[in-house]
């Protein structure tokens, strides 16, 4: 049997986390068909966590290397506005010329105008101030690693006295929702349209489902 483990993040894990974020960004599958440019997607999804709050990252590891990760933030107010700042930074660095980025950005802006509401980056509710993202490569699934990553993160929150945590997932990601419910999360509110994102079949709009969990001490 190959030994599997959960450990704290190391700076040398940064590239693996960026790669996995892209390879699993569409409900556990590669998001290349929708976004195409790995670096801009990885910046948007992972850069805050690896560069600003690495102490809240846990890594799942096997004999072949990193199989997945959990990135977290203990106080979501820290990242409010971070996505827009990251998009501005990417544009300043020339990301509009990256394959697919300009198309996704334009589609997101049109969706936001149609919805007449900017998307929420995180829940602003003191009952669940922390949040997380979790991703596993296909070879790391079904081996208990997701649950173990979640246990490590919840233990960290309890040690810091954080009362609860939330996450956003695609409402269309039924397998992901089943996993989150199995580890104690419940759905919070109705699904909301996710600007820019589309289903692979039919290219219909996708939706964000918020989920929450208390962290009793």
C-alpha atoms as a PDB file:
ATOM      1  CA  UNK A   1       0.000   0.000   0.000  1.00  0.00           C
ATOM      2  CA  UNK A   2       1.248   3.476  -0.855  1.00  0.00           C
ATOM      3  CA  UNK A   3       1.539   5.692   2.194  1.00  0.00           C
ATOM      4  CA  UNK A   4      -0.758   8.708   2.117  1.00  0.00           C
ATOM      5  CA  UNK A   5      -0.416  11.711   4.364  1.00  0.00           C
ATOM      6  CA  UNK A   6      -1.704  15.165   5.208  1.00  0.00           C
ATOM      7  CA  UNK A   7       0.816  17.844   6.107  1.00  0.00           C
ATOM      8  CA  UNK A   8       1.256  21.589   6.305  1.00  0.00           C
ATOM      9  CA  UNK A   9       2.014  23.567   3.167  1.00  0.00           C
ATOM     10  CA  UNK A  10       5.599  24.184   2.062  1.00  0.00           C
ATOM     11  CA  UNK A  11       6.678  26.920  -0.376  1.00  0.00           C
ATOM     12  CA  UNK A  12       7.880  24.195  -2.755  1.00  0.00           C
ATOM     13  CA  UNK A  13       4.217  23.045  -3.092  1.00  0.00           C
ATOM     14  CA  UNK A  14       3.169  26.263  -4.813  1.00  0.00           C
ATOM     15  CA  UNK A  15       3.527  25.038  -8.401  1.00  0.00           C
ATOM     16  CA  UNK A  16       1.740  21.751  -7.636  1.00  0.00           C
ATOM     17  CA  UNK A  17      -1.186  23.595  -6.067  1.00  0.00           C
ATOM     18  CA  UNK A  18      -1.469  25.900  -9.076  1.00  0.00           C
ATOM     19  CA  UNK A  19      -1.404  22.928 -11.444  1.00  0.00           C
ATOM     20  CA  UNK A  20      -4.027  20.998  -9.467  1.00  0.00           C
ATOM     21  CA  UNK A  21      -6.292  24.059  -9.263  1.00  0.00           C
ATOM     22  CA  UNK A  22      -6.373  24.192 -13.060  1.00  0.00           C
ATOM     23  CA  UNK A  23      -6.669  20.430 -13.571  1.00  0.00           C
ATOM     24  CA  UNK A  24      -9.634  20.186 -11.159  1.00  0.00           C
ATOM     25  CA  UNK A  25     -11.207  23.643 -11.643  1.00  0.00           C
ATOM     26  CA  UNK A  26     -14.340  22.407 -13.396  1.00  0.00           C
ATOM     27  CA  UNK A  27     -16.094  20.215 -10.813  1.00  0.00           C
ATOM     28  CA  UNK A  28     -13.011  18.015 -10.403  1.00  0.00           C
ATOM     29  CA  UNK A  29     -12.040  18.067 -14.079  1.00  0.00           C
ATOM     30  CA  UNK A  30      -9.744  20.346 -16.066  1.00  0.00           C
ATOM     31  CA  UNK A  31     -11.140  23.789 -16.747  1.00  0.00           C
ATOM     32  CA  UNK A  32      -8.950  24.150 -19.842  1.00  0.00           C
ATOM     33  CA  UNK A  33     -11.948  23.937 -22.195  1.00  0.00           C
ATOM     34  CA  UNK A  34     -13.538  27.013 -20.569  1.00  0.00           C
ATOM     35  CA  UNK A  35     -10.603  29.148 -19.389  1.00  0.00           C
ATOM     36  CA  UNK A  36      -7.542  27.769 -21.251  1.00  0.00           C
ATOM     37  CA  UNK A  37      -4.821  29.917 -19.600  1.00  0.00           C
ATOM     38  CA  UNK A  38      -3.471  28.073 -16.551  1.00  0.00           C
ATOM     39  CA  UNK A  39      -1.480  30.925 -15.025  1.00  0.00           C
ATOM     40  CA  UNK A  40      -4.292  33.480 -14.880  1.00  0.00           C
ATOM     41  CA  UNK A  41      -6.725  30.902 -13.469  1.00  0.00           C
ATOM     42  CA  UNK A  42      -4.211  29.726 -10.849  1.00  0.00           C
ATOM     43  CA  UNK A  43      -3.497  33.327  -9.846  1.00  0.00           C
ATOM     44  CA  UNK A  44      -7.189  34.017  -9.348  1.00  0.00           C
ATOM     45  CA  UNK A  45      -7.909  30.815  -7.418  1.00  0.00           C
ATOM     46  CA  UNK A  46      -4.755  30.212  -5.360  1.00  0.00           C
ATOM     47  CA  UNK A  47      -2.421  33.210  -5.219  1.00  0.00           C
ATOM     48  CA  UNK A  48      -3.920  34.864  -2.120  1.00  0.00           C
ATOM     49  CA  UNK A  49      -3.638  31.639  -0.125  1.00  0.00           C
ATOM     50  CA  UNK A  50      -0.122  30.594  -1.155  1.00  0.00           C
ATOM     51  CA  UNK A  51       1.299  34.111  -0.930  1.00  0.00           C
ATOM     52  CA  UNK A  52      -0.699  35.739   1.885  1.00  0.00           C
ATOM     53  CA  UNK A  53      -2.033  32.981   4.181  1.00  0.00           C
ATOM     54  CA  UNK A  54       0.086  29.848   3.641  1.00  0.00           C
ATOM     55  CA  UNK A  55      -0.377  28.811   7.268  1.00  0.00           C
ATOM     56  CA  UNK A  56      -3.988  27.947   6.364  1.00  0.00           C
ATOM     57  CA  UNK A  57      -3.077  25.441   3.642  1.00  0.00           C
ATOM     58  CA  UNK A  58      -2.933  21.672   4.081  1.00  0.00           C
ATOM     59  CA  UNK A  59      -1.546  19.295   1.472  1.00  0.00           C
ATOM     60  CA  UNK A  60      -2.459  15.679   0.656  1.00  0.00           C
ATOM     61  CA  UNK A  61       0.590  13.707  -0.420  1.00  0.00           C
ATOM     62  CA  UNK A  62       1.327  10.257  -1.816  1.00  0.00           C
ATOM     63  CA  UNK A  63       4.399   8.510  -3.089  1.00  0.00           C
ATOM     64  CA  UNK A  64       4.085  10.323  -6.410  1.00  0.00           C
ATOM     65  CA  UNK A  65       3.860  13.787  -4.866  1.00  0.00           C
ATOM     66  CA  UNK A  66       1.062  16.211  -4.076  1.00  0.00           C
ATOM     67  CA  UNK A  67      -2.406  14.758  -4.743  1.00  0.00           C
ATOM     68  CA  UNK A  68      -4.528  17.633  -3.487  1.00  0.00           C
ATOM     69  CA  UNK A  69      -4.869  20.506  -1.081  1.00  0.00           C
ATOM     70  CA  UNK A  70      -7.140  22.569   1.112  1.00  0.00           C
ATOM     71  CA  UNK A  71      -6.637  26.328   1.041  1.00  0.00           C
ATOM     72  CA  UNK A  72      -8.324  28.307   3.775  1.00  0.00           C
ATOM     73  CA  UNK A  73      -8.822  31.762   5.203  1.00  0.00           C
ATOM     74  CA  UNK A  74      -9.669  32.194   8.875  1.00  0.00           C
ATOM     75  CA  UNK A  75     -11.267  35.621   8.389  1.00  0.00           C
ATOM     76  CA  UNK A  76     -12.977  36.124   5.039  1.00  0.00           C
ATOM     77  CA  UNK A  77     -13.042  39.910   5.426  1.00  0.00           C
ATOM     78  CA  UNK A  78      -9.341  39.752   4.547  1.00  0.00           C
ATOM     79  CA  UNK A  79     -10.103  38.673   0.994  1.00  0.00           C
ATOM     80  CA  UNK A  80     -13.115  40.847   0.270  1.00  0.00           C
ATOM     81  CA  UNK A  81     -12.331  42.546  -3.028  1.00  0.00           C
ATOM     82  CA  UNK A  82      -9.333  40.282  -3.620  1.00  0.00           C
ATOM     83  CA  UNK A  83     -10.791  38.738  -6.802  1.00  0.00           C
ATOM     84  CA  UNK A  84     -11.291  42.156  -8.409  1.00  0.00           C
ATOM     85  CA  UNK A  85      -7.797  43.242  -7.358  1.00  0.00           C
ATOM     86  CA  UNK A  86      -6.388  40.048  -8.837  1.00  0.00           C
ATOM     87  CA  UNK A  87      -8.211  40.603 -12.131  1.00  0.00           C
ATOM     88  CA  UNK A  88      -6.855  44.156 -12.296  1.00  0.00           C
ATOM     89  CA  UNK A  89      -3.354  42.848 -11.601  1.00  0.00           C
ATOM     90  CA  UNK A  90      -3.704  40.235 -14.325  1.00  0.00           C
ATOM     91  CA  UNK A  91      -4.878  42.834 -16.840  1.00  0.00           C
ATOM     92  CA  UNK A  92      -1.943  45.086 -15.923  1.00  0.00           C
ATOM     93  CA  UNK A  93       0.387  42.150 -16.564  1.00  0.00           C
ATOM     94  CA  UNK A  94      -1.071  41.564 -20.021  1.00  0.00           C
ATOM     95  CA  UNK A  95      -3.433  38.669 -19.246  1.00  0.00           C
ATOM     96  CA  UNK A  96      -5.963  40.026 -21.738  1.00  0.00           C
ATOM     97  CA  UNK A  97      -3.725  38.465 -24.364  1.00  0.00           C
ATOM     98  CA  UNK A  98      -3.750  35.062 -22.630  1.00  0.00           C
ATOM     99  CA  UNK A  99      -5.883  32.434 -24.422  1.00  0.00           C
ATOM    100  CA  UNK A 100      -9.472  32.556 -23.223  1.00  0.00           C
ATOM    101  CA  UNK A 101      -9.014  35.095 -20.433  1.00  0.00           C
ATOM    102  CA  UNK A 102     -10.492  38.089 -22.282  1.00  0.00           C
ATOM    103  CA  UNK A 103     -13.480  35.995 -23.438  1.00  0.00           C
ATOM    104  CA  UNK A 104     -14.173  34.803 -19.902  1.00  0.00           C
ATOM    105  CA  UNK A 105     -13.822  38.316 -18.478  1.00  0.00           C
ATOM    106  CA  UNK A 106     -16.165  39.785 -21.080  1.00  0.00           C
ATOM    107  CA  UNK A 107     -18.739  37.052 -20.493  1.00  0.00           C
ATOM    108  CA  UNK A 108     -18.520  37.650 -16.727  1.00  0.00           C
ATOM    109  CA  UNK A 109     -19.117  41.381 -17.131  1.00  0.00           C
ATOM    110  CA  UNK A 110     -22.146  40.782 -19.357  1.00  0.00           C
ATOM    111  CA  UNK A 111     -23.552  38.243 -16.903  1.00  0.00           C
ATOM    112  CA  UNK A 112     -23.088  40.680 -14.004  1.00  0.00           C
ATOM    113  CA  UNK A 113     -24.915  43.422 -15.908  1.00  0.00           C
ATOM    114  CA  UNK A 114     -27.783  41.054 -16.701  1.00  0.00           C
ATOM    115  CA  UNK A 115     -27.982  39.913 -13.082  1.00  0.00           C
ATOM    116  CA  UNK A 116     -27.813  43.516 -11.828  1.00  0.00           C
ATOM    117  CA  UNK A 117     -25.713  42.304  -8.911  1.00  0.00           C
ATOM    118  CA  UNK A 118     -22.040  41.696  -8.327  1.00  0.00           C
ATOM    119  CA  UNK A 119     -21.185  38.132  -7.262  1.00  0.00           C
ATOM    120  CA  UNK A 120     -20.303  37.482  -3.624  1.00  0.00           C
ATOM    121  CA  UNK A 121     -16.674  36.471  -3.074  1.00  0.00           C
ATOM    122  CA  UNK A 122     -17.424  35.159   0.412  1.00  0.00           C
ATOM    123  CA  UNK A 123     -20.252  35.202   2.930  1.00  0.00           C
ATOM    124  CA  UNK A 124     -20.260  38.214   5.234  1.00  0.00           C
ATOM    125  CA  UNK A 125     -21.776  36.463   8.250  1.00  0.00           C
ATOM    126  CA  UNK A 126     -20.079  36.353  11.676  1.00  0.00           C
ATOM    127  CA  UNK A 127     -21.417  32.835  12.284  1.00  0.00           C
ATOM    128  CA  UNK A 128     -19.132  31.452   9.542  1.00  0.00           C
ATOM    129  CA  UNK A 129     -16.225  33.886   9.145  1.00  0.00           C
ATOM    130  CA  UNK A 130     -13.732  31.378   7.714  1.00  0.00           C
ATOM    131  CA  UNK A 131     -13.845  29.788   4.274  1.00  0.00           C
ATOM    132  CA  UNK A 132     -12.042  27.093   2.298  1.00  0.00           C
ATOM    133  CA  UNK A 133     -11.346  25.581  -1.110  1.00  0.00           C
ATOM    134  CA  UNK A 134     -10.488  21.901  -1.512  1.00  0.00           C
ATOM    135  CA  UNK A 135      -9.300  20.029  -4.606  1.00  0.00           C
ATOM    136  CA  UNK A 136      -8.017  16.492  -5.208  1.00  0.00           C
ATOM    137  CA  UNK A 137      -6.647  14.888  -8.342  1.00  0.00           C
ATOM    138  CA  UNK A 138      -8.594  11.853  -9.569  1.00  0.00           C
ATOM    139  CA  UNK A 139      -5.938   9.478  -8.198  1.00  0.00           C
ATOM    140  CA  UNK A 140      -6.347  10.982  -4.726  1.00  0.00           C
ATOM    141  CA  UNK A 141     -10.127  10.540  -4.493  1.00  0.00           C
ATOM    142  CA  UNK A 142     -11.929   7.766  -2.697  1.00  0.00           C
ATOM    143  CA  UNK A 143      -9.005   7.258  -0.317  1.00  0.00           C
ATOM    144  CA  UNK A 144     -10.152   9.355   2.629  1.00  0.00           C
ATOM    145  CA  UNK A 145      -7.880  12.287   1.842  1.00  0.00           C
ATOM    146  CA  UNK A 146     -10.664  14.839   1.445  1.00  0.00           C
ATOM    147  CA  UNK A 147     -12.072  13.989   4.859  1.00  0.00           C
ATOM    148  CA  UNK A 148      -8.614  14.105   6.436  1.00  0.00           C
ATOM    149  CA  UNK A 149      -7.863  17.487   4.894  1.00  0.00           C
ATOM    150  CA  UNK A 150     -11.155  18.778   6.269  1.00  0.00           C
ATOM    151  CA  UNK A 151     -10.411  17.391   9.737  1.00  0.00           C
ATOM    152  CA  UNK A 152      -7.072  19.225   9.825  1.00  0.00           C
ATOM    153  CA  UNK A 153      -8.702  22.479   8.772  1.00  0.00           C
ATOM    154  CA  UNK A 154     -11.523  22.211  11.301  1.00  0.00           C
ATOM    155  CA  UNK A 155      -9.005  21.437  14.042  1.00  0.00           C
ATOM    156  CA  UNK A 156      -7.111  24.619  13.126  1.00  0.00           C
ATOM    157  CA  UNK A 157     -10.288  26.689  13.297  1.00  0.00           C
ATOM    158  CA  UNK A 158     -11.196  25.246  16.694  1.00  0.00           C
ATOM    159  CA  UNK A 159      -7.716  26.009  18.023  1.00  0.00           C
ATOM    160  CA  UNK A 160      -8.182  29.635  16.959  1.00  0.00           C
ATOM    161  CA  UNK A 161     -11.699  29.894  18.371  1.00  0.00           C
ATOM    162  CA  UNK A 162     -13.298  30.434  14.951  1.00  0.00           C
ATOM    163  CA  UNK A 163     -17.058  29.695  15.269  1.00  0.00           C
ATOM    164  CA  UNK A 164     -17.776  28.475  11.747  1.00  0.00           C
ATOM    165  CA  UNK A 165     -16.710  28.110   8.134  1.00  0.00           C
ATOM    166  CA  UNK A 166     -18.327  28.378   4.721  1.00  0.00           C
ATOM    167  CA  UNK A 167     -17.542  27.412   1.151  1.00  0.00           C
ATOM    168  CA  UNK A 168     -18.930  27.992  -2.306  1.00  0.00           C
ATOM    169  CA  UNK A 169     -19.330  25.178  -4.798  1.00  0.00           C
ATOM    170  CA  UNK A 170     -21.140  24.811  -8.087  1.00  0.00           C
ATOM    171  CA  UNK A 171     -24.738  23.756  -7.491  1.00  0.00           C
ATOM    172  CA  UNK A 172     -24.277  21.461 -10.489  1.00  0.00           C
ATOM    173  CA  UNK A 173     -21.473  19.627  -8.652  1.00  0.00           C
ATOM    174  CA  UNK A 174     -23.654  17.008  -6.991  1.00  0.00           C
ATOM    175  CA  UNK A 175     -20.742  14.727  -6.055  1.00  0.00           C
ATOM    176  CA  UNK A 176     -19.003  17.611  -4.327  1.00  0.00           C
ATOM    177  CA  UNK A 177     -22.155  18.609  -2.469  1.00  0.00           C
ATOM    178  CA  UNK A 178     -22.612  15.025  -1.246  1.00  0.00           C
ATOM    179  CA  UNK A 179     -19.062  15.058   0.128  1.00  0.00           C
ATOM    180  CA  UNK A 180     -19.518  18.391   1.905  1.00  0.00           C
ATOM    181  CA  UNK A 181     -22.782  17.221   3.446  1.00  0.00           C
ATOM    182  CA  UNK A 182     -21.039  14.035   4.618  1.00  0.00           C
ATOM    183  CA  UNK A 183     -18.498  16.133   6.555  1.00  0.00           C
ATOM    184  CA  UNK A 184     -21.130  18.289   8.228  1.00  0.00           C
ATOM    185  CA  UNK A 185     -21.886  21.164   5.854  1.00  0.00           C
ATOM    186  CA  UNK A 186     -25.423  22.245   4.993  1.00  0.00           C
ATOM    187  CA  UNK A 187     -26.696  24.323   2.088  1.00  0.00           C
ATOM    188  CA  UNK A 188     -27.188  28.006   2.832  1.00  0.00           C
ATOM    189  CA  UNK A 189     -29.616  29.911   0.633  1.00  0.00           C
ATOM    190  CA  UNK A 190     -30.606  29.250  -2.944  1.00  0.00           C
ATOM    191  CA  UNK A 191     -28.062  28.781  -5.747  1.00  0.00           C
ATOM    192  CA  UNK A 192     -27.056  31.980  -7.525  1.00  0.00           C
ATOM    193  CA  UNK A 193     -25.782  32.394 -11.101  1.00  0.00           C
ATOM    194  CA  UNK A 194     -21.975  32.368 -11.382  1.00  0.00           C
ATOM    195  CA  UNK A 195     -20.798  35.072 -13.798  1.00  0.00           C
ATOM    196  CA  UNK A 196     -18.781  33.739 -16.713  1.00  0.00           C
ATOM    197  CA  UNK A 197     -19.134  30.027 -15.994  1.00  0.00           C
ATOM    198  CA  UNK A 198     -20.996  27.670 -18.314  1.00  0.00           C
ATOM    199  CA  UNK A 199     -21.824  23.969 -18.433  1.00  0.00           C
ATOM    200  CA  UNK A 200     -19.855  21.885 -20.905  1.00  0.00           C
ATOM    201  CA  UNK A 201     -23.038  20.446 -22.410  1.00  0.00           C
ATOM    202  CA  UNK A 202     -25.301  23.151 -23.780  1.00  0.00           C
ATOM    203  CA  UNK A 203     -23.191  25.968 -22.348  1.00  0.00           C
ATOM    204  CA  UNK A 204     -25.904  26.853 -19.854  1.00  0.00           C
ATOM    205  CA  UNK A 205     -25.038  29.124 -16.941  1.00  0.00           C
ATOM    206  CA  UNK A 206     -23.678  27.563 -13.774  1.00  0.00           C
ATOM    207  CA  UNK A 207     -24.646  28.471 -10.215  1.00  0.00           C
ATOM    208  CA  UNK A 208     -22.904  28.930  -6.880  1.00  0.00           C
ATOM    209  CA  UNK A 209     -24.256  27.104  -3.835  1.00  0.00           C
ATOM    210  CA  UNK A 210     -23.042  28.381  -0.468  1.00  0.00           C
ATOM    211  CA  UNK A 211     -22.583  25.789   2.282  1.00  0.00           C
ATOM    212  CA  UNK A 212     -21.852  26.379   5.980  1.00  0.00           C
ATOM    213  CA  UNK A 213     -20.670  24.451   9.031  1.00  0.00           C
ATOM    214  CA  UNK A 214     -20.278  25.434  12.669  1.00  0.00           C
ATOM    215  CA  UNK A 215     -17.042  24.600  14.504  1.00  0.00           C
ATOM    216  CA  UNK A 216     -18.016  23.916  18.130  1.00  0.00           C
ATOM    217  CA  UNK A 217     -15.067  23.839  20.500  1.00  0.00           C
END
